[in-house]
Amino acid sequence: MARKRQQFIVPPEGGWKPRTVYHVNVRHSSTNVEHKALFYSGFLNHHGEPCGYNQVWSPSYEAGGHYEITDLYSLSIIKELNVEFT
């Protein structure tokens, strides 16, 4: 995963799962307050990290457009959600 700046990403215990939805805590910058959001992991790279088609969904960020994990300052997992996309 190419990083544009220093990030504090805490993966789930046991590692990321592809195409999985997580309930997460996120911050967009070091001065931003922590927000609750949903994170879709998309595809994983050869290091097992989200790399393609991942997305952060949050009412606090929606007006700003599409956000991916590389746009975040920090992300930590609250829990994995059981969501099926058919």
C-alpha atoms as a PDB file:
ATOM      1  CA  MET A   1       0.000   0.000   0.000  1.00  0.00           C
ATOM      2  CA  ALA A   2       1.577   3.282  -1.076  1.00  0.00           C
ATOM      3  CA  ARG A   3       1.414   5.804   1.718  1.00  0.00           C
ATOM      4  CA  LYS A   4       1.356   9.551   1.081  1.00  0.00           C
ATOM      5  CA  ARG A   5       2.114  10.467   4.699  1.00  0.00           C
ATOM      6  CA  GLN A   6       2.616   8.911   8.105  1.00  0.00           C
ATOM      7  CA  GLN A   7      -0.356   6.759   9.015  1.00  0.00           C
ATOM      8  CA  PHE A   8      -1.481   4.820  12.041  1.00  0.00           C
ATOM      9  CA  ILE A   9      -3.427   1.887  10.618  1.00  0.00           C
ATOM     10  CA  VAL A  10      -4.172  -0.944  13.046  1.00  0.00           C
ATOM     11  CA  PRO A  11      -5.238  -4.071  11.125  1.00  0.00           C
ATOM     12  CA  PRO A  12      -7.741  -6.504  12.614  1.00  0.00           C
ATOM     13  CA  GLU A  13      -6.461  -9.292  14.831  1.00  0.00           C
ATOM     14  CA  GLY A  14      -5.522 -12.143  12.493  1.00  0.00           C
ATOM     15  CA  GLY A  15      -5.045  -9.811   9.508  1.00  0.00           C
ATOM     16  CA  TRP A  16      -7.235  -8.249   6.836  1.00  0.00           C
ATOM     17  CA  LYS A  17      -9.841 -10.236   4.937  1.00  0.00           C
ATOM     18  CA  PRO A  18     -10.595  -9.313   1.317  1.00  0.00           C
ATOM     19  CA  ARG A  19     -13.980  -7.786   0.410  1.00  0.00           C
ATOM     20  CA  THR A  20     -14.984  -7.440   4.068  1.00  0.00           C
ATOM     21  CA  VAL A  21     -16.828  -4.649   5.898  1.00  0.00           C
ATOM     22  CA  TYR A  22     -15.474  -3.439   9.238  1.00  0.00           C
ATOM     23  CA  HIS A  23     -16.853  -0.998  11.828  1.00  0.00           C
ATOM     24  CA  VAL A  24     -13.881   1.304  12.485  1.00  0.00           C
ATOM     25  CA  ASN A  25     -12.602   4.407  14.244  1.00  0.00           C
ATOM     26  CA  VAL A  26     -10.977   6.833  11.786  1.00  0.00           C
ATOM     27  CA  ARG A  27      -9.243  10.204  11.749  1.00  0.00           C
ATOM     28  CA  HIS A  28      -8.583  12.095   8.545  1.00  0.00           C
ATOM     29  CA  SER A  29      -5.712  14.151  10.000  1.00  0.00           C
ATOM     30  CA  SER A  30      -3.729  14.463  13.217  1.00  0.00           C
ATOM     31  CA  THR A  31      -5.989  17.339  14.311  1.00  0.00           C
ATOM     32  CA  ASN A  32      -9.250  15.661  13.262  1.00  0.00           C
ATOM     33  CA  VAL A  33     -11.473  14.121  15.930  1.00  0.00           C
ATOM     34  CA  GLU A  34     -12.029  10.374  15.774  1.00  0.00           C
ATOM     35  CA  HIS A  35     -15.148   9.287  13.868  1.00  0.00           C
ATOM     36  CA  LYS A  36     -17.010   5.998  13.647  1.00  0.00           C
ATOM     37  CA  ALA A  37     -17.225   4.729  10.073  1.00  0.00           C
ATOM     38  CA  LEU A  38     -17.546   1.646   7.921  1.00  0.00           C
ATOM     39  CA  PHE A  39     -14.550   0.376   5.955  1.00  0.00           C
ATOM     40  CA  TYR A  40     -14.730  -1.979   2.979  1.00  0.00           C
ATOM     41  CA  SER A  41     -11.362  -3.710   2.513  1.00  0.00           C
ATOM     42  CA  GLY A  42     -11.668  -4.444  -1.221  1.00  0.00           C
ATOM     43  CA  PHE A  43      -8.729  -6.363  -2.689  1.00  0.00           C
ATOM     44  CA  LEU A  44      -5.545  -7.157  -0.730  1.00  0.00           C
ATOM     45  CA  ASN A  45      -1.984  -6.783  -2.047  1.00  0.00           C
ATOM     46  CA  HIS A  46       0.742  -9.432  -1.718  1.00  0.00           C
ATOM     47  CA  HIS A  47       1.454  -8.092   1.829  1.00  0.00           C
ATOM     48  CA  GLY A  48      -2.159  -8.768   2.838  1.00  0.00           C
ATOM     49  CA  GLU A  49      -3.065  -5.050   3.009  1.00  0.00           C
ATOM     50  CA  PRO A  50      -6.066  -3.309   1.411  1.00  0.00           C
ATOM     51  CA  CYS A  51      -4.953  -1.889  -1.928  1.00  0.00           C
ATOM     52  CA  GLY A  52      -7.714  -1.716  -4.499  1.00  0.00           C
ATOM     53  CA  TYR A  53     -11.389  -0.863  -4.397  1.00  0.00           C
ATOM     54  CA  ASN A  54     -11.370  -0.160  -0.649  1.00  0.00           C
ATOM     55  CA  GLN A  55     -13.591   2.586   0.722  1.00  0.00           C
ATOM     56  CA  VAL A  56     -14.439   4.446   3.927  1.00  0.00           C
ATOM     57  CA  TRP A  57     -18.110   5.287   4.478  1.00  0.00           C
ATOM     58  CA  SER A  58     -18.963   7.955   7.035  1.00  0.00           C
ATOM     59  CA  PRO A  59     -21.643  10.652   7.179  1.00  0.00           C
ATOM     60  CA  SER A  60     -18.889  13.013   8.374  1.00  0.00           C
ATOM     61  CA  TYR A  61     -16.838  12.458   5.206  1.00  0.00           C
ATOM     62  CA  GLU A  62     -19.475  11.803   2.533  1.00  0.00           C
ATOM     63  CA  ALA A  63     -19.698  15.451   1.412  1.00  0.00           C
ATOM     64  CA  GLY A  64     -15.977  15.396   0.667  1.00  0.00           C
ATOM     65  CA  GLY A  65     -16.171  12.560  -1.843  1.00  0.00           C
ATOM     66  CA  HIS A  66     -14.617   9.107  -2.071  1.00  0.00           C
ATOM     67  CA  TYR A  67     -12.146   8.157   0.697  1.00  0.00           C
ATOM     68  CA  GLU A  68      -9.753   5.219   0.733  1.00  0.00           C
ATOM     69  CA  ILE A  69      -7.448   3.900   3.442  1.00  0.00           C
ATOM     70  CA  THR A  70      -4.536   5.906   1.983  1.00  0.00           C
ATOM     71  CA  ASP A  71      -6.485   9.140   2.656  1.00  0.00           C
ATOM     72  CA  LEU A  72      -6.690   8.488   6.403  1.00  0.00           C
ATOM     73  CA  TYR A  73      -4.396   9.515   9.236  1.00  0.00           C
ATOM     74  CA  SER A  74      -5.554   6.644  11.452  1.00  0.00           C
ATOM     75  CA  LEU A  75      -7.840   3.648  11.370  1.00  0.00           C
ATOM     76  CA  SER A  76      -8.535   1.051  14.041  1.00  0.00           C
ATOM     77  CA  ILE A  77     -10.973  -1.834  13.951  1.00  0.00           C
ATOM     78  CA  ILE A  78     -13.966  -1.973  16.274  1.00  0.00           C
ATOM     79  CA  LYS A  79     -15.331  -5.190  14.779  1.00  0.00           C
ATOM     80  CA  GLU A  80     -15.828  -7.125  11.573  1.00  0.00           C
ATOM     81  CA  LEU A  81     -19.373  -6.947  10.223  1.00  0.00           C
ATOM     82  CA  ASN A  82     -21.188  -9.840   8.598  1.00  0.00           C
ATOM     83  CA  VAL A  83     -22.336  -8.199   5.344  1.00  0.00           C
ATOM     84  CA  GLU A  84     -22.809 -10.122   2.113  1.00  0.00           C
ATOM     85  CA  PHE A  85     -22.747  -8.450  -1.283  1.00  0.00           C
ATOM     86  CA  THR A  86     -24.461 -10.585  -3.911  1.00  0.00           C
END
